Amino acid sequence: MSMRLLLLLCLTGHVFAKEPPDVNCLVLHLEHVKCTWNEQGTPEVNYTFNSRFHYDNGIRSCKEYILENNITIGCIQPYGEPTNRFNTFYTNLVHGEKSFPKKHELKNKVLLNPPVNLTVLNGSDSNLWFYWNQISKGCVESEVRFRTNHNKWETSKVSSAKQNFCINLPSSNSRYEVQVRSKITTTCGESLYWSDWSEPVVWGSNNSTDINHINVPMSVWTPVLYVLGGFTLVLLVIILLQHERLRIILIPVVPKQSLIPYHDIENWLHPSKGLNFENFKANYNERACSVREYCQVSRSDSESSDDSNCSVNTDQTDCSVSTPTKESEDLSTPCSSSSSAAIVPSKEEQHVSV
């Protein structure tokens, strides 16, 4: 009976006993080794972590722990030599008298950072060239994804030792967006993990680049500046309309003079307050002048009648002009409306006037 009870206690204890934490390690950009032990959940106690590579002289204690709710769940250690990942990596978790050692092979567990300095140039060959930077140029292969006008992504592999990509004869009316990611190539111990995608670079119809995100948030001050600008414009318009000297005067088309009596012109024009309409009225008189007409008289007519009239005096004023007679053997001038004298070719002078 006691043997059965003891066997039952051993079986139940094995069932309810918690499994030891499992440690997983990853080489980060060939600069650090990151190890975590929270894959099965956050542990209940804080573990102490130690590690070393196969050819290291001694064990290295963790100097940078990763915490979650004040419980250690991971550690970041310096990587050391570039070839360390080809050596066995030893880890050990310790809590009190319990320790959990483990061996790791890190050759294919390398995670690179995303490529940086992604730029685009429109080459002299009319092609679109994209360039980026990544460590270990000869041991890194890249993958490019691109799309046109927000369509589906297309991917293309780039061989090792190349850190550029070309789009042949791009359309100036299209928009191109490109991203790149990298991993260790097969010739240098292929990694299982691709890096994250780089920041996108955009080439559009205006031949400009945008390395930042596509949706750039509008500044908070932009609407404020728009409101202030509109308020200032309205204020200036009000000031101009209120100022009398700068008031805009619209003068309509002047109608026919016969339709407007002279005394109504002042009311029709609506002159400004400072304009004196009396200054535009005439303040002088003109004296009328008489017009005399002279015509040629033939010799036969002059002998028959000495008192024949050939002109009509239209006015008798002080500004009428009397024309003296003059003897001449020349021919007389034709009849005209002027104040000059008419000379008659005869022995007798005939001055005809009314």
Protein backbone atom coordinates (compact mmCIF):
# COMPACT_ATOMS: atom_id res chain seq x y z
CA MET A 1 0.00 0.00 0.00
CA SER A 2 2.78 2.41 0.88
CA MET A 3 4.60 1.55 -2.33
CA ARG A 4 1.51 2.40 -4.40
CA LEU A 5 1.11 5.72 -2.61
CA LEU A 6 4.74 6.62 -3.19
CA LEU A 7 4.47 5.78 -6.89
CA LEU A 8 1.36 7.93 -7.21
CA LEU A 9 3.07 10.91 -5.58
CA CYS A 10 6.03 10.61 -7.94
CA LEU A 11 3.81 10.53 -11.02
CA THR A 12 1.72 13.52 -9.98
CA GLY A 13 4.84 15.46 -9.06
CA HIS A 14 6.30 14.83 -12.49
CA VAL A 15 3.10 16.01 -14.14
CA PHE A 16 2.79 19.25 -12.14
CA ALA A 17 6.50 20.06 -12.21
CA LYS A 18 7.31 23.11 -14.42
CA GLU A 19 9.62 22.72 -17.35
CA PRO A 20 12.91 24.67 -17.22
CA PRO A 21 13.05 27.88 -19.33
CA ASP A 22 14.19 27.40 -22.91
CA VAL A 23 16.91 29.81 -24.06
CA ASN A 24 16.97 31.01 -27.71
CA CYS A 25 19.82 33.14 -29.10
CA LEU A 26 20.22 35.29 -32.21
CA VAL A 27 23.15 37.28 -33.62
CA LEU A 28 22.13 40.91 -34.24
CA HIS A 29 23.87 42.60 -37.16
CA LEU A 30 27.15 40.78 -36.28
CA GLU A 31 27.51 43.14 -33.31
CA HIS A 32 25.54 41.58 -30.42
CA VAL A 33 24.09 38.26 -29.29
CA LYS A 34 20.55 38.44 -27.98
CA CYS A 35 19.26 35.57 -25.83
CA THR A 36 15.72 35.29 -24.43
CA TRP A 37 14.00 32.70 -22.20
CA ASN A 38 10.34 33.82 -22.15
CA GLU A 39 9.04 31.76 -25.05
CA GLN A 40 6.97 29.66 -22.63
CA GLY A 41 5.81 32.74 -20.75
CA THR A 42 7.27 35.17 -18.28
CA PRO A 43 9.23 33.23 -15.63
CA GLU A 44 8.31 33.59 -11.99
CA VAL A 45 11.87 34.25 -10.80
CA ASN A 46 14.84 36.29 -11.95
CA TYR A 47 17.54 34.16 -13.52
CA THR A 48 21.21 34.99 -13.79
CA PHE A 49 22.65 34.54 -17.27
CA ASN A 50 26.19 33.53 -18.27
CA SER A 51 27.59 32.76 -21.71
CA ARG A 52 30.73 32.15 -23.74
CA PHE A 53 31.88 31.03 -27.19
CA HIS A 54 33.86 27.83 -27.60
CA TYR A 55 37.29 29.44 -27.82
CA ASP A 56 36.69 32.16 -25.22
CA ASN A 57 38.97 32.18 -22.23
CA GLY A 58 36.27 32.56 -19.61
CA ILE A 59 32.56 32.91 -18.89
CA ARG A 60 30.98 36.33 -19.42
CA SER A 61 28.22 37.53 -17.14
CA CYS A 62 25.33 39.46 -18.61
CA LYS A 63 25.73 43.25 -18.43
CA GLU A 64 22.43 44.24 -20.12
CA TYR A 65 19.29 42.38 -19.13
CA ILE A 66 15.92 42.61 -20.85
CA LEU A 67 13.10 43.11 -18.33
CA GLU A 68 9.38 42.46 -18.42
CA ASN A 69 7.36 43.42 -15.35
CA ASN A 70 10.64 43.65 -13.41
CA ILE A 71 11.45 40.04 -14.33
CA THR A 72 14.52 39.21 -16.41
CA ILE A 73 13.50 37.59 -19.69
CA GLY A 74 16.63 38.09 -21.81
CA CYS A 75 20.19 39.33 -22.15
CA ILE A 76 22.27 41.16 -24.79
CA GLN A 77 25.97 40.27 -24.97
CA PRO A 78 28.75 41.65 -27.20
CA TYR A 79 29.35 39.49 -30.27
CA GLY A 80 33.13 39.73 -30.49
CA GLU A 81 35.03 38.37 -33.50
CA PRO A 82 33.24 38.23 -36.89
CA THR A 83 33.77 34.44 -37.08
CA ASN A 84 32.36 33.68 -33.64
CA ARG A 85 29.05 32.53 -35.07
CA PHE A 86 30.78 29.51 -36.55
CA ASN A 87 31.73 28.39 -33.01
CA THR A 88 29.49 26.76 -30.44
CA PHE A 89 27.86 29.20 -28.06
CA TYR A 90 27.25 28.07 -24.45
CA THR A 91 24.62 29.59 -22.16
CA ASN A 92 23.67 28.93 -18.54
CA LEU A 93 20.68 30.14 -16.53
CA VAL A 94 21.13 30.07 -12.77
CA HIS A 95 18.64 30.52 -9.94
CA GLY A 96 19.79 29.53 -6.51
CA GLU A 97 21.16 26.05 -6.70
CA LYS A 98 19.47 25.29 -10.00
CA SER A 99 21.22 25.86 -13.36
CA PHE A 100 20.10 25.23 -16.92
CA PRO A 101 23.02 24.99 -19.39
CA LYS A 102 22.52 24.82 -23.17
CA LYS A 103 24.53 24.73 -26.42
CA HIS A 104 23.70 26.89 -29.46
CA GLU A 105 24.82 26.88 -33.12
CA LEU A 106 24.53 30.47 -34.39
CA LYS A 107 25.93 30.13 -37.91
CA ASN A 108 22.53 30.53 -39.62
CA LYS A 109 20.92 32.65 -36.90
CA VAL A 110 21.96 36.13 -37.97
CA LEU A 111 19.53 39.05 -38.23
CA LEU A 112 20.84 42.13 -40.03
CA ASN A 113 19.58 45.67 -39.62
CA PRO A 114 17.60 47.14 -42.56
CA PRO A 115 19.70 48.76 -45.33
CA VAL A 116 20.37 52.46 -44.88
CA ASN A 117 20.96 55.50 -47.11
CA LEU A 118 18.51 54.33 -49.76
CA THR A 119 18.63 56.90 -52.58
CA VAL A 120 17.40 57.16 -56.16
CA LEU A 121 19.06 58.75 -59.20
CA ASN A 122 17.87 59.27 -62.75
CA GLY A 123 20.88 58.03 -64.69
CA SER A 124 22.31 59.35 -67.93
CA ASP A 125 21.12 56.13 -69.62
CA SER A 126 17.48 57.19 -68.95
CA ASN A 127 17.14 54.41 -66.33
CA LEU A 128 16.17 54.77 -62.69
CA TRP A 129 18.93 53.66 -60.26
CA PHE A 130 18.48 52.89 -56.55
CA TYR A 131 21.45 52.64 -54.15
CA TRP A 132 21.80 51.60 -50.48
CA ASN A 133 24.40 50.65 -47.87
CA GLN A 134 24.78 47.41 -45.89
CA ILE A 135 27.61 45.77 -43.93
CA SER A 136 29.82 43.01 -45.42
CA LYS A 137 29.07 43.88 -49.02
CA GLY A 138 30.51 40.61 -50.32
CA CYS A 139 28.54 38.42 -47.85
CA VAL A 140 25.12 40.05 -48.14
CA GLU A 141 22.35 39.42 -50.64
CA SER A 142 19.43 41.78 -50.99
CA GLU A 143 15.83 41.66 -52.08
CA VAL A 144 14.03 44.64 -53.59
CA ARG A 145 10.34 45.20 -53.69
CA PHE A 146 8.82 47.97 -55.79
CA ARG A 147 5.44 49.11 -56.99
CA THR A 148 4.06 51.62 -59.47
CA ASN A 149 1.21 53.99 -58.67
CA HIS A 150 0.27 52.15 -55.42
CA ASN A 151 -0.29 48.84 -57.22
CA LYS A 152 0.79 45.42 -55.89
CA TRP A 153 4.38 44.91 -54.78
CA GLU A 154 6.80 43.16 -57.11
CA THR A 155 10.01 41.56 -55.74
CA SER A 156 13.39 41.04 -57.32
CA LYS A 157 16.56 39.38 -55.94
CA VAL A 158 19.85 41.25 -56.07
CA SER A 159 23.03 39.18 -56.15
CA SER A 160 25.75 39.54 -53.52
CA ALA A 161 28.38 42.28 -53.91
CA LYS A 162 25.71 44.50 -55.50
CA GLN A 163 23.93 47.23 -53.63
CA ASN A 164 21.94 48.83 -56.43
CA PHE A 165 18.84 48.18 -58.46
CA CYS A 166 17.71 49.49 -61.85
CA ILE A 167 14.27 50.18 -63.32
CA ASN A 168 14.56 50.47 -67.09
CA LEU A 169 13.06 53.47 -68.86
CA PRO A 170 10.66 54.69 -66.16
CA SER A 171 7.58 56.66 -67.14
CA SER A 172 7.65 60.29 -66.13
CA ASN A 173 3.91 60.14 -65.42
CA SER A 174 4.20 57.23 -62.94
CA ARG A 175 5.11 57.03 -59.28
CA TYR A 176 7.69 54.44 -58.14
CA GLU A 177 8.18 53.25 -54.56
CA VAL A 178 11.08 50.98 -53.56
CA GLN A 179 12.16 49.14 -50.36
CA VAL A 180 15.12 46.82 -49.68
CA ARG A 181 15.95 44.08 -47.17
CA SER A 182 19.09 41.95 -46.69
CA LYS A 183 20.48 38.73 -45.21
CA ILE A 184 23.76 36.81 -45.10
CA THR A 185 24.42 35.01 -48.37
CA THR A 186 25.09 31.29 -48.85
CA THR A 187 28.80 31.70 -49.48
CA CYS A 188 29.27 33.20 -46.01
CA GLY A 189 27.03 30.83 -44.06
CA GLU A 190 23.49 31.58 -45.14
CA SER A 191 21.20 33.07 -42.56
CA LEU A 192 17.61 32.01 -42.07
CA TYR A 193 16.38 35.50 -41.31
CA TRP A 194 15.78 38.49 -43.58
CA SER A 195 16.18 41.94 -42.17
CA ASP A 196 13.22 44.28 -41.89
CA TRP A 197 12.33 46.37 -44.93
CA SER A 198 14.11 49.70 -45.25
CA GLU A 199 12.39 53.04 -45.27
CA PRO A 200 10.69 53.55 -48.68
CA VAL A 201 12.17 55.84 -51.29
CA VAL A 202 9.78 57.41 -53.82
CA TRP A 203 10.37 58.73 -57.32
CA GLY A 204 7.40 60.48 -58.90
CA SER A 205 6.32 62.41 -61.95
CA ASN A 206 8.11 65.53 -60.62
CA ASN A 207 11.43 63.61 -60.50
CA SER A 208 11.77 64.16 -56.77
CA THR A 209 12.68 61.77 -53.95
CA ASP A 210 11.02 61.28 -50.62
CA ILE A 211 12.86 59.10 -48.12
CA ASN A 212 10.35 59.74 -45.37
CA HIS A 213 6.96 58.09 -45.07
CA ILE A 214 4.42 58.81 -47.75
CA ASN A 215 1.76 60.29 -45.49
CA VAL A 216 3.46 63.29 -43.92
CA PRO A 217 1.24 64.86 -41.23
CA MET A 218 0.33 68.50 -41.71
CA SER A 219 1.86 70.94 -39.29
CA VAL A 220 -0.34 72.28 -36.49
CA TRP A 221 0.56 75.86 -37.40
CA THR A 222 -0.58 75.55 -41.05
CA PRO A 223 -4.34 76.13 -40.43
CA VAL A 224 -3.52 78.89 -37.94
CA LEU A 225 -1.49 80.72 -40.59
CA TYR A 226 -4.33 80.33 -43.10
CA VAL A 227 -6.84 81.88 -40.66
CA LEU A 228 -4.53 84.79 -39.80
CA GLY A 229 -3.87 85.46 -43.49
CA GLY A 230 -7.59 85.57 -44.30
CA PHE A 231 -8.36 87.85 -41.34
CA THR A 232 -5.58 90.25 -42.35
CA LEU A 233 -6.89 90.41 -45.92
CA VAL A 234 -10.45 91.22 -44.79
CA LEU A 235 -9.15 93.91 -42.42
CA LEU A 236 -7.17 95.60 -45.22
CA VAL A 237 -10.23 95.64 -47.50
CA ILE A 238 -12.34 97.30 -44.78
CA ILE A 239 -9.68 99.97 -44.17
CA LEU A 240 -9.46 100.78 -47.89
CA LEU A 241 -13.22 101.12 -48.26
CA GLN A 242 -13.56 103.36 -45.18
CA HIS A 243 -10.77 105.74 -46.20
CA GLU A 244 -12.29 108.48 -48.36
CA ARG A 245 -9.21 109.26 -50.48
CA LEU A 246 -8.76 105.60 -51.44
CA ARG A 247 -12.43 104.84 -52.05
CA ILE A 248 -13.13 103.18 -55.35
CA ILE A 249 -15.34 105.39 -57.54
CA LEU A 250 -17.22 103.62 -60.32
CA ILE A 251 -18.33 106.00 -63.08
CA PRO A 252 -21.00 104.58 -65.40
CA VAL A 253 -21.17 105.22 -69.12
CA VAL A 254 -22.19 108.81 -69.89
CA PRO A 255 -25.58 108.89 -71.70
CA LYS A 256 -26.53 111.29 -74.47
CA GLN A 257 -26.36 114.98 -73.57
CA SER A 258 -29.85 115.67 -74.86
CA LEU A 259 -31.32 113.31 -72.27
CA ILE A 260 -29.76 115.08 -69.30
CA PRO A 261 -30.73 118.66 -68.46
CA TYR A 262 -27.82 120.88 -67.65
CA HIS A 263 -28.96 121.54 -64.12
CA ASP A 264 -29.19 117.76 -63.41
CA ILE A 265 -25.62 116.90 -64.38
CA GLU A 266 -24.33 117.66 -60.90
CA ASN A 267 -26.86 115.28 -59.30
CA TRP A 268 -26.26 112.58 -61.91
CA LEU A 269 -22.43 112.46 -61.50
CA HIS A 270 -22.53 112.19 -57.69
CA PRO A 271 -19.24 114.02 -57.11
CA SER A 272 -17.31 113.48 -53.89
CA LYS A 273 -17.70 115.85 -50.96
CA GLY A 274 -14.40 117.66 -51.57
CA LEU A 275 -15.14 118.33 -55.26
CA ASN A 276 -16.67 121.79 -56.03
CA PHE A 277 -18.86 121.46 -59.11
CA GLU A 278 -19.10 125.24 -59.52
CA ASN A 279 -15.49 125.33 -60.75
CA PHE A 280 -16.54 123.53 -63.93
CA LYS A 281 -19.11 126.16 -65.04
CA ALA A 282 -18.15 128.73 -67.70
CA ASN A 283 -17.40 132.23 -66.42
CA TYR A 284 -16.76 134.15 -69.66
CA ASN A 285 -18.71 135.44 -72.77
CA GLU A 286 -17.80 135.44 -76.44
CA ARG A 287 -18.68 138.25 -78.79
CA ALA A 288 -20.16 137.28 -82.13
CA CYS A 289 -18.40 138.43 -85.31
CA SER A 290 -20.09 139.38 -88.57
CA VAL A 291 -19.40 137.56 -91.83
CA ARG A 292 -19.17 139.44 -95.11
CA GLU A 293 -19.42 137.83 -98.52
CA TYR A 294 -17.86 139.29 -101.64
CA CYS A 295 -18.40 138.10 -105.19
CA GLN A 296 -17.00 138.90 -108.63
CA VAL A 297 -18.96 141.43 -110.72
CA SER A 298 -18.61 141.48 -114.52
CA ARG A 299 -17.90 144.69 -116.41
CA SER A 300 -21.20 144.68 -118.28
CA ASP A 301 -23.14 144.36 -115.06
CA SER A 302 -21.18 147.17 -113.43
CA GLU A 303 -21.95 149.61 -116.28
CA SER A 304 -25.66 148.91 -116.23
CA SER A 305 -26.05 149.33 -112.56
CA ASP A 306 -23.82 151.16 -110.15
CA ASP A 307 -25.81 150.14 -107.14
CA SER A 308 -26.16 146.39 -107.67
CA ASN A 309 -25.64 144.32 -104.55
CA CYS A 310 -23.74 141.04 -104.57
CA SER A 311 -23.40 140.39 -100.87
CA VAL A 312 -25.55 140.23 -97.88
CA ASN A 313 -24.47 141.58 -94.55
CA THR A 314 -25.55 139.05 -91.96
CA ASP A 315 -24.65 141.04 -88.86
CA GLN A 316 -23.76 144.55 -87.82
CA THR A 317 -21.44 144.35 -84.83
CA ASP A 318 -18.29 146.04 -83.62
CA CYS A 319 -16.14 143.15 -84.78
CA SER A 320 -17.29 143.41 -88.43
CA VAL A 321 -14.44 144.07 -90.83
CA SER A 322 -14.65 146.60 -93.63
CA THR A 323 -12.41 145.88 -96.57
CA PRO A 324 -10.73 148.79 -98.38
CA THR A 325 -10.75 148.90 -102.16
CA LYS A 326 -7.67 148.77 -104.20
CA GLU A 327 -6.96 149.48 -107.81
CA SER A 328 -5.45 146.66 -109.70
CA GLU A 329 -5.12 145.43 -113.17
CA ASP A 330 -5.19 141.84 -112.02
CA LEU A 331 -8.10 139.52 -112.24
CA SER A 332 -10.47 139.49 -109.29
CA THR A 333 -10.57 136.62 -106.79
CA PRO A 334 -13.57 134.26 -106.60
CA CYS A 335 -16.33 134.68 -104.07
CA SER A 336 -15.48 133.35 -100.59
CA SER A 337 -16.68 133.48 -96.99
CA SER A 338 -13.88 135.54 -95.47
CA SER A 339 -13.00 139.01 -94.32
CA SER A 340 -10.66 139.73 -97.31
CA ALA A 341 -11.46 142.25 -100.09
CA ALA A 342 -12.58 141.39 -103.64
CA ILE A 343 -10.83 143.33 -106.46
CA VAL A 344 -12.84 144.10 -109.62
CA PRO A 345 -10.83 144.48 -112.88
CA SER A 346 -12.30 147.82 -114.08
CA LYS A 347 -11.43 151.46 -114.17
CA GLU A 348 -14.02 152.15 -111.57
CA GLU A 349 -13.80 150.55 -108.19
CA GLN A 350 -16.90 148.82 -107.14
CA HIS A 351 -17.26 148.09 -103.47
CA VAL A 352 -20.32 146.12 -102.83
CA SER A 353 -21.45 145.67 -99.32
CA VAL A 354 -24.61 145.74 -97.29
